[in-house]
Amino acid sequence: MSVIPRNPSTPPAMHPHDERYYDREDLAAELRRTFQVCHECRMCVNYCGSFPELFRRVDGAIDSGAAEGAEQIVQADVKAVADECWQCKLCYIKCPYTADEGASELLDFPRLMARERAVRAREEGIALVDRILGEPQRVGKFGSGVMAPLANFVTRNQLLRKIQEKVTGISAEFRLPPMARETFSRWLAQHRPLEGAGERGELVLFATCYGEYNTPEVARAAVLVLEHNGYTVRYSGSGADRGDAMLTCCGLPNIDGGDVAAARRKIEHNVALLLPHVRAGRTIVVPGPSCGMMLKKEWYGYVPTPEVQEVAAGTLDLMEFLVTLGKAKTLKREFPGKLGTVAYHAACHLRAQKIGFPGMRVLNVVPGTEVRMVEQCSAVDGTWGMKAAHYETGRKYAQKLVDGISEAEADVVVSDCTLAGLRIVKENGVRVLHPVEALARAYGLVHDPAAALPASESTSE
């Protein structure tokens, strides 16, 4: 029996505002304690590569007689375990030893892994791959617009991608999101709102970096659906807000690489722009589950101010907001279009928010639609799956998702998560829509010839 106590003597330091957060000895002690509890439980062995790696190393020390548990874990072991964590947060959701479950152990494996990366980044510096992937808004600004044709040529050229992989560490095999010729903010600045928009109030759209620069069709569909249901949509940087500073990345890619300072700067920037809207009574809606999770669940841990709390309290997932309209019987239910069989990928970061699967609930109200849920992880989450060092491992862990999409035999495939969608496109060869895009098509707000094709005959090009 290990001598490591199961319960912490003081609450673990899970956020940078705790003075112990960067203390290497304190971190090492918390890692050993957490590893010990996980080793004794083993429930999460199939979730990711971290747990098999952890169990193998602790078992090896026990079998050799060098330890009774996790007490001999060293930095090389920690790095091997931490590098296999892609922050899906499924282990936290299922763990019986968390604060959310009222347990005395107070485990939070994903946040502990994020802390380890932050400490390592402070000591060793931030890797080039994390510096690049940590700035999607900067990459988007450079690659979208007039530069989009060239940027997309590079991302589709396998030879150039191989060279890029050697220089940057970004996998040549991972399907990168395309750059948009027309950004969302440019479209919105010229958009004429639908009749009736504003009758029920105003909302603020946190379109995400992908919605602004890569997949503006998602943000556009969100605007049309919300306007169709009576709301004016505001967005910093365009339309009524022209001249304002632009919303930027939520900061999650920086957290993935351990760059806490960069994440905090982005959080503070975004909160300064969003707070006046919240105080004016406008709800913030977010179409991306990872970004929504950051706003609602993670920002306060990195910038613990009342202002951040206000913004978090005023934020909803986009499809979650539409569910509230359904409950209030104000969601419009006249659908000229049908969707047929829909394969709905349940994104991990929706589960991390503990809001269920609102996209599935909304699509279920469309007549002539059968939604089949595929509740499997894409093993991309944030930036982890884009890295060459993890690409094949990610493919292995995403196989259940790939098989589930195939077995659904769907006419339409949807996922709230853009990055998970890229995995599905690559592995299944099908087009992937955001639930709000599918809803816009059912409403007849968007007319896309490819949307009428079965998913197996469509492409993302």
Protein backbone atom coordinates (compact mmCIF):
# COMPACT_ATOMS: atom_id res chain seq x y z
CA MET A 1 0.00 0.00 0.00
CA SER A 2 1.43 3.37 -1.02
CA VAL A 3 2.37 5.87 1.65
CA ILE A 4 0.99 8.73 -0.46
CA PRO A 5 -2.12 10.20 1.20
CA ARG A 6 -5.28 10.23 -0.91
CA ASN A 7 -6.53 13.57 0.39
CA PRO A 8 -4.61 16.86 -0.03
CA SER A 9 -3.53 18.74 3.08
CA THR A 10 -4.63 21.97 1.36
CA PRO A 11 -6.75 22.43 -1.79
CA PRO A 12 -4.62 21.81 -4.90
CA ALA A 13 -3.27 24.83 -6.77
CA MET A 14 -5.19 24.60 -10.04
CA HIS A 15 -4.95 28.20 -11.28
CA PRO A 16 -2.09 30.68 -11.78
CA HIS A 17 -3.36 33.13 -9.16
CA ASP A 18 -2.42 30.57 -6.49
CA GLU A 19 1.13 31.36 -5.33
CA ARG A 20 1.96 27.63 -5.35
CA TYR A 21 0.99 27.15 -9.00
CA TYR A 22 4.54 27.41 -10.39
CA ASP A 23 6.21 25.78 -7.37
CA ARG A 24 7.92 22.69 -8.80
CA GLU A 25 7.94 20.76 -5.50
CA ASP A 26 4.28 21.47 -4.83
CA LEU A 27 3.44 20.37 -8.36
CA ALA A 28 5.46 17.17 -8.03
CA ALA A 29 3.68 16.26 -4.80
CA GLU A 30 0.26 16.86 -6.36
CA LEU A 31 1.19 14.81 -9.43
CA ARG A 32 2.25 11.86 -7.27
CA ARG A 33 -0.95 12.07 -5.21
CA THR A 34 -3.19 12.27 -8.27
CA PHE A 35 -1.30 9.50 -10.05
CA GLN A 36 -1.70 7.30 -6.99
CA VAL A 37 -5.46 7.77 -6.84
CA CYS A 38 -5.77 7.21 -10.60
CA HIS A 39 -3.59 4.11 -10.43
CA GLU A 40 -5.84 2.62 -7.76
CA CYS A 41 -9.02 3.44 -9.70
CA ARG A 42 -8.10 2.84 -13.40
CA MET A 43 -11.59 3.72 -14.65
CA CYS A 44 -10.21 6.12 -17.28
CA VAL A 45 -7.80 3.70 -18.92
CA ASN A 46 -9.52 3.87 -22.32
CA TYR A 47 -10.04 7.64 -22.55
CA CYS A 48 -6.62 8.74 -23.79
CA GLY A 49 -2.96 7.77 -23.83
CA SER A 50 -2.17 9.45 -20.50
CA PHE A 51 -3.66 6.75 -18.32
CA PRO A 52 -2.09 3.67 -19.97
CA GLU A 53 1.24 5.52 -19.82
CA LEU A 54 0.72 6.35 -16.15
CA PHE A 55 -0.32 2.82 -15.19
CA ARG A 56 2.55 1.24 -17.12
CA ARG A 57 5.14 3.36 -15.33
CA VAL A 58 3.70 2.94 -11.85
CA ASP A 59 3.20 -0.79 -12.39
CA GLY A 60 6.81 -1.09 -13.53
CA ALA A 61 8.10 0.54 -10.35
CA ILE A 62 5.90 -1.71 -8.20
CA ASP A 63 6.84 -4.89 -10.07
CA SER A 64 10.55 -4.12 -9.72
CA GLY A 65 10.16 -3.67 -5.98
CA ALA A 66 11.24 -0.01 -6.16
CA ALA A 67 7.90 1.38 -5.00
CA GLU A 68 4.55 0.55 -3.48
CA GLY A 69 2.70 3.07 -5.62
CA ALA A 70 3.42 6.33 -7.42
CA GLU A 71 6.07 7.57 -4.98
CA GLN A 72 8.95 6.97 -7.43
CA ILE A 73 7.44 8.96 -10.30
CA VAL A 74 10.04 11.33 -11.79
CA GLN A 75 9.91 14.17 -14.31
CA ALA A 76 10.44 11.90 -17.33
CA ASP A 77 7.36 9.91 -16.27
CA VAL A 78 5.35 13.06 -15.76
CA LYS A 79 6.26 14.43 -19.18
CA ALA A 80 5.31 11.17 -20.89
CA VAL A 81 1.90 11.19 -19.18
CA ALA A 82 1.21 14.89 -19.67
CA ASP A 83 2.13 14.83 -23.35
CA GLU A 84 -0.61 12.26 -24.00
CA CYS A 85 -3.36 14.47 -22.53
CA TRP A 86 -5.34 16.35 -25.17
CA GLN A 87 -7.67 18.09 -22.69
CA CYS A 88 -10.93 16.46 -23.74
CA LYS A 89 -11.89 16.59 -20.02
CA LEU A 90 -13.84 13.35 -20.22
CA CYS A 91 -11.85 11.92 -17.31
CA TYR A 92 -12.98 14.82 -15.10
CA ILE A 93 -16.61 14.34 -16.09
CA LYS A 94 -16.48 10.64 -15.20
CA CYS A 95 -14.17 10.89 -12.17
CA PRO A 96 -15.81 10.12 -8.79
CA TYR A 97 -13.03 11.94 -6.88
CA THR A 98 -13.68 15.55 -7.94
CA ALA A 99 -14.98 18.58 -6.09
CA ASP A 100 -18.07 18.47 -8.33
CA GLU A 101 -18.84 15.05 -6.90
CA GLY A 102 -18.26 16.26 -3.32
CA ALA A 103 -15.21 14.01 -2.94
CA SER A 104 -12.43 14.75 -0.46
CA GLU A 105 -9.67 13.87 -2.97
CA LEU A 106 -10.38 17.04 -5.04
CA LEU A 107 -8.90 15.56 -8.23
CA ASP A 108 -8.84 17.53 -11.48
CA PHE A 109 -6.59 15.63 -13.86
CA PRO A 110 -7.03 17.93 -16.90
CA ARG A 111 -6.24 21.10 -14.94
CA LEU A 112 -3.27 19.38 -13.33
CA MET A 113 -1.94 18.50 -16.79
CA ALA A 114 -2.46 22.12 -17.89
CA ARG A 115 -0.55 23.25 -14.82
CA GLU A 116 2.32 20.87 -15.64
CA ARG A 117 2.54 22.30 -19.15
CA ALA A 118 2.53 25.85 -17.82
CA VAL A 119 5.34 25.10 -15.37
CA ARG A 120 7.33 23.30 -18.05
CA ALA A 121 6.81 26.18 -20.49
CA ARG A 122 8.05 28.66 -17.89
CA GLU A 123 11.16 26.58 -17.27
CA GLU A 124 11.95 25.44 -20.82
CA GLY A 125 10.21 28.00 -23.03
CA ILE A 126 7.26 27.59 -25.37
CA ALA A 127 7.80 25.28 -28.34
CA LEU A 128 7.56 26.72 -31.85
CA VAL A 129 4.58 24.52 -32.70
CA ASP A 130 2.72 25.92 -29.69
CA ARG A 131 3.67 29.48 -30.58
CA ILE A 132 2.15 29.01 -34.03
CA LEU A 133 -0.95 27.05 -33.05
CA GLY A 134 -1.48 29.35 -30.08
CA GLU A 135 -2.31 32.31 -32.34
CA PRO A 136 -5.18 31.23 -34.64
CA GLN A 137 -6.44 34.81 -34.89
CA ARG A 138 -3.04 36.00 -36.15
CA VAL A 139 -2.79 33.15 -38.65
CA GLY A 140 -6.36 33.86 -39.73
CA LYS A 141 -5.75 37.56 -40.28
CA PHE A 142 -2.71 36.78 -42.40
CA GLY A 143 -4.19 33.91 -44.40
CA SER A 144 -7.77 35.01 -45.05
CA GLY A 145 -9.12 37.60 -47.49
CA VAL A 146 -6.96 38.23 -50.54
CA MET A 147 -4.36 35.77 -49.24
CA ALA A 148 -6.86 32.91 -48.98
CA PRO A 149 -6.17 31.31 -52.40
CA LEU A 150 -2.45 31.13 -51.71
CA ALA A 151 -2.91 29.94 -48.13
CA ASN A 152 -5.32 27.22 -49.23
CA PHE A 153 -2.96 26.12 -52.00
CA VAL A 154 -0.24 25.62 -49.40
CA THR A 155 -2.48 23.68 -47.01
CA ARG A 156 -3.65 21.35 -49.81
CA ASN A 157 -0.21 20.70 -51.28
CA GLN A 158 1.22 17.61 -49.63
CA LEU A 159 4.84 18.37 -50.52
CA LEU A 160 4.63 21.84 -49.01
CA ARG A 161 2.87 20.42 -45.97
CA LYS A 162 5.70 17.92 -45.46
CA ILE A 163 8.20 20.77 -45.47
CA GLN A 164 5.95 22.74 -43.13
CA GLU A 165 5.77 19.77 -40.76
CA LYS A 166 9.54 19.56 -40.43
CA VAL A 167 9.81 23.27 -39.69
CA THR A 168 6.75 23.81 -37.49
CA GLY A 169 5.82 20.42 -36.03
CA ILE A 170 2.27 20.67 -37.42
CA SER A 171 1.26 17.35 -38.96
CA ALA A 172 1.23 17.23 -42.75
CA GLU A 173 -1.59 14.69 -42.51
CA PHE A 174 -3.96 16.71 -40.36
CA ARG A 175 -6.52 18.48 -42.52
CA LEU A 176 -6.15 22.18 -41.66
CA PRO A 177 -9.21 24.43 -41.88
CA PRO A 178 -9.47 26.45 -45.11
CA MET A 179 -8.98 30.20 -45.12
CA ALA A 180 -12.02 32.25 -46.09
CA ARG A 181 -11.94 34.65 -49.01
CA GLU A 182 -14.62 36.71 -47.26
CA THR A 183 -14.34 36.89 -43.47
CA PHE A 184 -17.44 36.82 -41.31
CA SER A 185 -17.01 40.42 -40.16
CA ARG A 186 -16.80 41.64 -43.76
CA TRP A 187 -19.96 39.73 -44.63
CA LEU A 188 -21.80 41.04 -41.57
CA ALA A 189 -20.85 44.63 -42.31
CA GLN A 190 -22.68 44.34 -45.65
CA HIS A 191 -25.51 42.10 -44.43
CA ARG A 192 -29.06 43.40 -44.43
CA PRO A 193 -30.89 41.95 -41.39
CA LEU A 194 -33.91 39.75 -42.02
CA GLU A 195 -37.37 41.18 -41.52
CA GLY A 196 -38.35 40.95 -37.86
CA ALA A 197 -34.78 40.91 -36.56
CA GLY A 198 -34.68 42.78 -33.25
CA GLU A 199 -38.30 42.23 -32.27
CA ARG A 200 -37.19 39.99 -29.39
CA GLY A 201 -33.98 41.74 -28.50
CA GLU A 202 -30.25 41.76 -29.21
CA LEU A 203 -27.54 39.15 -28.82
CA VAL A 204 -23.75 39.20 -29.12
CA LEU A 205 -22.06 36.52 -31.20
CA PHE A 206 -18.62 35.31 -30.13
CA ALA A 207 -17.96 33.90 -33.58
CA THR A 208 -14.60 32.25 -32.64
CA CYS A 209 -11.43 32.50 -34.73
CA TYR A 210 -12.64 29.71 -37.01
CA GLY A 211 -15.99 31.41 -37.48
CA GLU A 212 -14.30 34.67 -38.42
CA TYR A 213 -11.47 33.45 -40.66
CA ASN A 214 -12.01 29.79 -41.59
CA THR A 215 -15.64 28.71 -41.50
CA PRO A 216 -17.65 31.95 -41.74
CA GLU A 217 -20.56 29.93 -43.11
CA VAL A 218 -21.20 28.76 -39.52
CA ALA A 219 -21.32 32.30 -38.13
CA ARG A 220 -23.43 33.44 -41.08
CA ALA A 221 -25.92 30.63 -40.48
CA ALA A 222 -26.02 31.60 -36.80
CA VAL A 223 -26.90 35.19 -37.70
CA LEU A 224 -29.66 34.11 -40.09
CA VAL A 225 -31.19 31.64 -37.65
CA LEU A 226 -31.13 34.15 -34.79
CA GLU A 227 -32.56 36.93 -36.95
CA HIS A 228 -35.24 34.56 -38.21
CA ASN A 229 -36.19 34.02 -34.56
CA GLY A 230 -36.41 37.75 -33.88
CA TYR A 231 -32.96 38.79 -32.65
CA THR A 232 -30.49 41.40 -33.78
CA VAL A 233 -26.96 40.01 -33.76
CA ARG A 234 -24.03 42.20 -32.77
CA TYR A 235 -20.37 41.41 -33.22
CA SER A 236 -17.40 43.57 -32.29
CA GLY A 237 -15.54 44.81 -35.33
CA SER A 238 -18.35 45.14 -37.84
CA GLY A 239 -21.79 46.58 -38.49
CA ALA A 240 -23.04 48.73 -35.62
CA ASP A 241 -19.76 48.12 -33.82
CA ARG A 242 -17.51 49.21 -36.70
CA GLY A 243 -14.38 50.85 -35.36
CA ASP A 244 -14.38 48.86 -32.13
CA ALA A 245 -11.47 46.63 -31.30
CA MET A 246 -11.96 43.10 -32.62
CA LEU A 247 -12.71 40.13 -30.41
CA THR A 248 -9.77 37.75 -30.38
CA CYS A 249 -9.02 34.12 -29.58
CA CYS A 250 -10.51 32.66 -26.39
CA GLY A 251 -7.02 31.67 -25.18
CA LEU A 252 -7.44 27.90 -25.17
CA PRO A 253 -4.68 27.29 -27.76
CA ASN A 254 -2.27 29.19 -25.51
CA ILE A 255 -3.27 27.10 -22.50
CA ASP A 256 -2.59 23.98 -24.59
CA GLY A 257 1.00 25.17 -25.02
CA GLY A 258 1.47 26.43 -21.47
CA ASP A 259 1.51 30.13 -22.43
CA VAL A 260 -0.55 31.46 -19.54
CA ALA A 261 0.50 35.08 -20.04
CA ALA A 262 -0.77 35.14 -23.63
CA ALA A 263 -4.05 33.52 -22.60
CA ARG A 264 -4.58 36.10 -19.86
CA ARG A 265 -3.99 38.98 -22.26
CA LYS A 266 -6.65 37.60 -24.60
CA ILE A 267 -9.12 37.01 -21.80
CA GLU A 268 -8.71 40.58 -20.53
CA HIS A 269 -9.06 41.96 -24.07
CA ASN A 270 -12.25 40.00 -24.77
CA VAL A 271 -13.83 40.76 -21.41
CA ALA A 272 -13.30 44.49 -21.94
CA LEU A 273 -15.29 44.22 -25.19
CA LEU A 274 -17.99 41.86 -23.96
CA LEU A 275 -18.72 43.32 -20.53
CA PRO A 276 -20.63 46.41 -21.77
CA HIS A 277 -22.91 44.12 -23.78
CA VAL A 278 -23.61 41.89 -20.79
CA ARG A 279 -24.38 44.91 -18.63
CA ALA A 280 -26.74 46.13 -21.36
CA GLY A 281 -28.66 42.85 -21.01
CA ARG A 282 -27.37 41.11 -24.13
CA THR A 283 -26.60 37.40 -23.97
CA ILE A 284 -23.33 36.22 -25.52
CA VAL A 285 -23.81 33.14 -27.72
CA VAL A 286 -20.89 30.94 -28.77
CA PRO A 287 -21.09 28.40 -31.64
CA GLY A 288 -17.86 26.58 -30.67
CA PRO A 289 -17.97 24.27 -27.61
CA SER A 290 -14.26 24.70 -26.77
CA CYS A 291 -14.53 28.49 -26.83
CA GLY A 292 -17.80 28.38 -24.94
CA MET A 293 -16.20 26.18 -22.30
CA MET A 294 -13.40 28.71 -21.94
CA LEU A 295 -15.73 31.67 -21.48
CA LYS A 296 -18.04 29.91 -19.07
CA LYS A 297 -15.72 27.58 -17.16
CA GLU A 298 -12.07 28.53 -17.56
CA TRP A 299 -11.60 32.30 -17.95
CA TYR A 300 -12.21 33.02 -14.28
CA GLY A 301 -9.48 30.58 -13.25
CA TYR A 302 -6.92 32.59 -15.22
CA VAL A 303 -8.31 36.09 -14.62
CA PRO A 304 -10.26 35.92 -11.34
CA THR A 305 -12.18 39.21 -11.45
CA PRO A 306 -15.87 40.06 -10.95
CA GLU A 307 -15.94 41.32 -14.53
CA VAL A 308 -14.93 37.89 -15.86
CA GLN A 309 -17.63 36.31 -13.71
CA GLU A 310 -20.21 38.67 -15.20
CA VAL A 311 -19.23 37.73 -18.73
CA ALA A 312 -19.27 34.02 -17.87
CA ALA A 313 -22.73 34.31 -16.35
CA GLY A 314 -23.97 36.07 -19.49
CA THR A 315 -22.70 33.42 -21.92
CA LEU A 316 -24.52 30.49 -23.49
CA ASP A 317 -23.62 27.96 -26.14
CA LEU A 318 -25.41 28.95 -29.34
CA MET A 319 -27.51 25.79 -29.56
CA GLU A 320 -28.11 25.96 -25.80
CA PHE A 321 -29.68 29.39 -26.36
CA LEU A 322 -31.93 27.96 -29.06
CA VAL A 323 -33.02 25.25 -26.62
CA THR A 324 -34.13 28.01 -24.22
CA LEU A 325 -36.28 29.42 -27.04
CA GLY A 326 -37.77 25.98 -27.54
CA LYS A 327 -38.62 25.70 -23.85
CA ALA A 328 -40.24 29.13 -23.96
CA LYS A 329 -42.17 28.04 -27.08
CA THR A 330 -40.75 30.97 -29.04
CA LEU A 331 -38.51 28.98 -31.40
CA LYS A 332 -40.01 29.12 -34.88
CA ARG A 333 -41.04 25.65 -36.01
CA GLU A 334 -41.98 26.15 -39.65
CA PHE A 335 -39.46 24.12 -41.62
CA PRO A 336 -39.82 23.89 -45.40
CA GLY A 337 -36.77 21.63 -45.54
CA LYS A 338 -36.11 18.14 -44.17
CA LEU A 339 -32.79 16.79 -42.96
CA GLY A 340 -33.38 13.04 -43.10
CA THR A 341 -31.03 10.94 -40.99
CA VAL A 342 -28.54 13.07 -39.09
CA ALA A 343 -25.37 11.70 -37.47
CA TYR A 344 -24.72 14.03 -34.54
CA HIS A 345 -21.22 14.01 -33.08
CA ALA A 346 -21.37 14.78 -29.35
CA ALA A 347 -18.39 17.08 -28.76
CA CYS A 348 -16.36 16.46 -25.61
CA HIS A 349 -16.31 20.14 -24.61
CA LEU A 350 -20.10 20.24 -24.61
CA ARG A 351 -19.98 17.44 -22.08
CA ALA A 352 -17.37 19.41 -20.14
CA GLN A 353 -19.90 22.25 -19.84
CA LYS A 354 -22.49 19.76 -18.54
CA ILE A 355 -25.22 21.14 -20.78
CA GLY A 356 -26.11 17.93 -22.58
CA PHE A 357 -26.35 18.02 -26.37
CA PRO A 358 -28.44 21.07 -27.28
CA GLY A 359 -27.74 20.78 -31.02
CA MET A 360 -29.32 17.34 -31.09
CA ARG A 361 -32.35 18.59 -29.15
CA VAL A 362 -32.94 21.46 -31.56
CA LEU A 363 -32.55 19.35 -34.70
CA ASN A 364 -34.99 16.82 -33.30
CA VAL A 365 -37.82 19.35 -33.70
CA VAL A 366 -37.34 19.43 -37.49
CA PRO A 367 -40.00 17.23 -39.14
CA GLY A 368 -38.66 14.38 -41.24
CA THR A 369 -35.45 14.23 -39.21
CA GLU A 370 -33.94 11.38 -37.21
CA VAL A 371 -30.89 12.27 -35.15
CA ARG A 372 -28.44 9.49 -34.32
CA MET A 373 -25.90 10.49 -31.70
CA VAL A 374 -22.27 9.43 -31.95
CA GLU A 375 -20.83 10.01 -28.47
CA GLN A 376 -17.13 9.47 -29.16
CA CYS A 377 -14.04 11.69 -28.87
CA SER A 378 -12.26 13.07 -31.96
CA ALA A 379 -8.89 13.16 -30.13
CA VAL A 380 -8.16 16.64 -31.50
CA ASP A 381 -9.39 18.95 -28.70
CA GLY A 382 -7.64 22.28 -29.02
CA THR A 383 -4.31 21.95 -30.83
CA TRP A 384 -3.06 18.54 -29.63
CA GLY A 385 -4.33 16.52 -32.59
CA MET A 386 -2.75 18.90 -35.11
CA LYS A 387 0.78 18.11 -33.98
CA ALA A 388 2.91 15.64 -35.91
CA ALA A 389 4.05 14.05 -32.64
CA HIS A 390 0.46 13.05 -31.81
CA TYR A 391 -1.25 12.58 -35.15
CA GLU A 392 -1.20 8.77 -35.29
CA THR A 393 -2.16 8.42 -31.63
CA GLY A 394 -5.08 10.77 -32.26
CA ARG A 395 -6.21 8.69 -35.23
CA LYS A 396 -6.16 5.57 -33.08
CA TYR A 397 -8.26 7.09 -30.33
CA ALA A 398 -10.67 8.64 -32.84
CA GLN A 399 -11.43 5.31 -34.50
CA LYS A 400 -14.62 4.79 -32.47
CA LEU A 401 -15.87 8.15 -33.72
CA VAL A 402 -14.97 7.27 -37.31
CA ASP A 403 -16.74 3.92 -37.03
CA GLY A 404 -19.77 5.52 -35.37
CA ILE A 405 -20.18 8.04 -38.18
CA SER A 406 -19.97 5.26 -40.77
CA GLU A 407 -22.43 3.04 -38.93
CA ALA A 408 -24.98 5.87 -38.66
CA GLU A 409 -25.43 5.79 -42.46
CA ALA A 410 -26.61 9.39 -42.29
CA ASP A 411 -27.79 11.86 -44.91
CA VAL A 412 -26.23 14.70 -42.93
CA VAL A 413 -23.29 14.68 -40.50
CA VAL A 414 -23.10 17.45 -37.91
CA SER A 415 -20.71 18.45 -35.15
CA ASP A 416 -20.59 21.58 -33.00
CA CYS A 417 -16.78 21.29 -33.03
CA THR A 418 -14.92 22.55 -36.11
CA LEU A 419 -11.76 20.57 -35.30
CA ALA A 420 -13.67 17.34 -34.71
CA GLY A 421 -15.34 18.00 -38.04
CA LEU A 422 -11.94 18.16 -39.72
CA ARG A 423 -11.10 14.73 -38.31
CA ILE A 424 -14.38 13.33 -39.63
CA VAL A 425 -13.85 14.90 -43.07
CA LYS A 426 -10.38 13.40 -43.27
CA GLU A 427 -11.24 9.92 -42.04
CA ASN A 428 -14.80 9.45 -43.29
CA GLY A 429 -14.67 11.54 -46.47
CA VAL A 430 -17.98 13.25 -45.71
CA ARG A 431 -19.12 16.82 -45.39
CA VAL A 432 -19.66 18.02 -41.81
CA LEU A 433 -22.05 20.83 -40.88
CA HIS A 434 -22.48 22.73 -37.64
CA PRO A 435 -25.97 22.09 -36.18
CA VAL A 436 -26.90 25.72 -36.83
CA GLU A 437 -26.02 25.27 -40.53
CA ALA A 438 -28.32 22.26 -40.70
CA LEU A 439 -31.03 24.27 -38.95
CA ALA A 440 -30.60 27.18 -41.37
CA ARG A 441 -31.08 24.77 -44.26
CA ALA A 442 -34.21 23.30 -42.67
CA TYR A 443 -35.57 26.83 -42.25
CA GLY A 444 -34.84 27.52 -45.91
CA LEU A 445 -32.50 30.38 -45.00
CA VAL A 446 -29.49 28.91 -46.78
CA HIS A 447 -29.62 27.25 -50.17
CA ASP A 448 -26.60 25.05 -50.84
CA PRO A 449 -26.87 22.41 -53.59
CA ALA A 450 -24.34 20.21 -51.78
CA ALA A 451 -26.56 20.16 -48.71
CA ALA A 452 -29.13 18.12 -50.62
CA LEU A 453 -26.61 15.37 -51.27
CA PRO A 454 -26.17 12.45 -48.90
CA ALA A 455 -23.17 13.04 -46.65
CA SER A 456 -21.26 10.25 -48.37
CA GLU A 457 -21.48 12.11 -51.69
CA SER A 458 -20.54 15.53 -50.36
CA THR A 459 -17.14 17.05 -49.72
CA SER A 460 -15.91 19.97 -47.69
CA GLU A 461 -14.31 21.61 -50.68
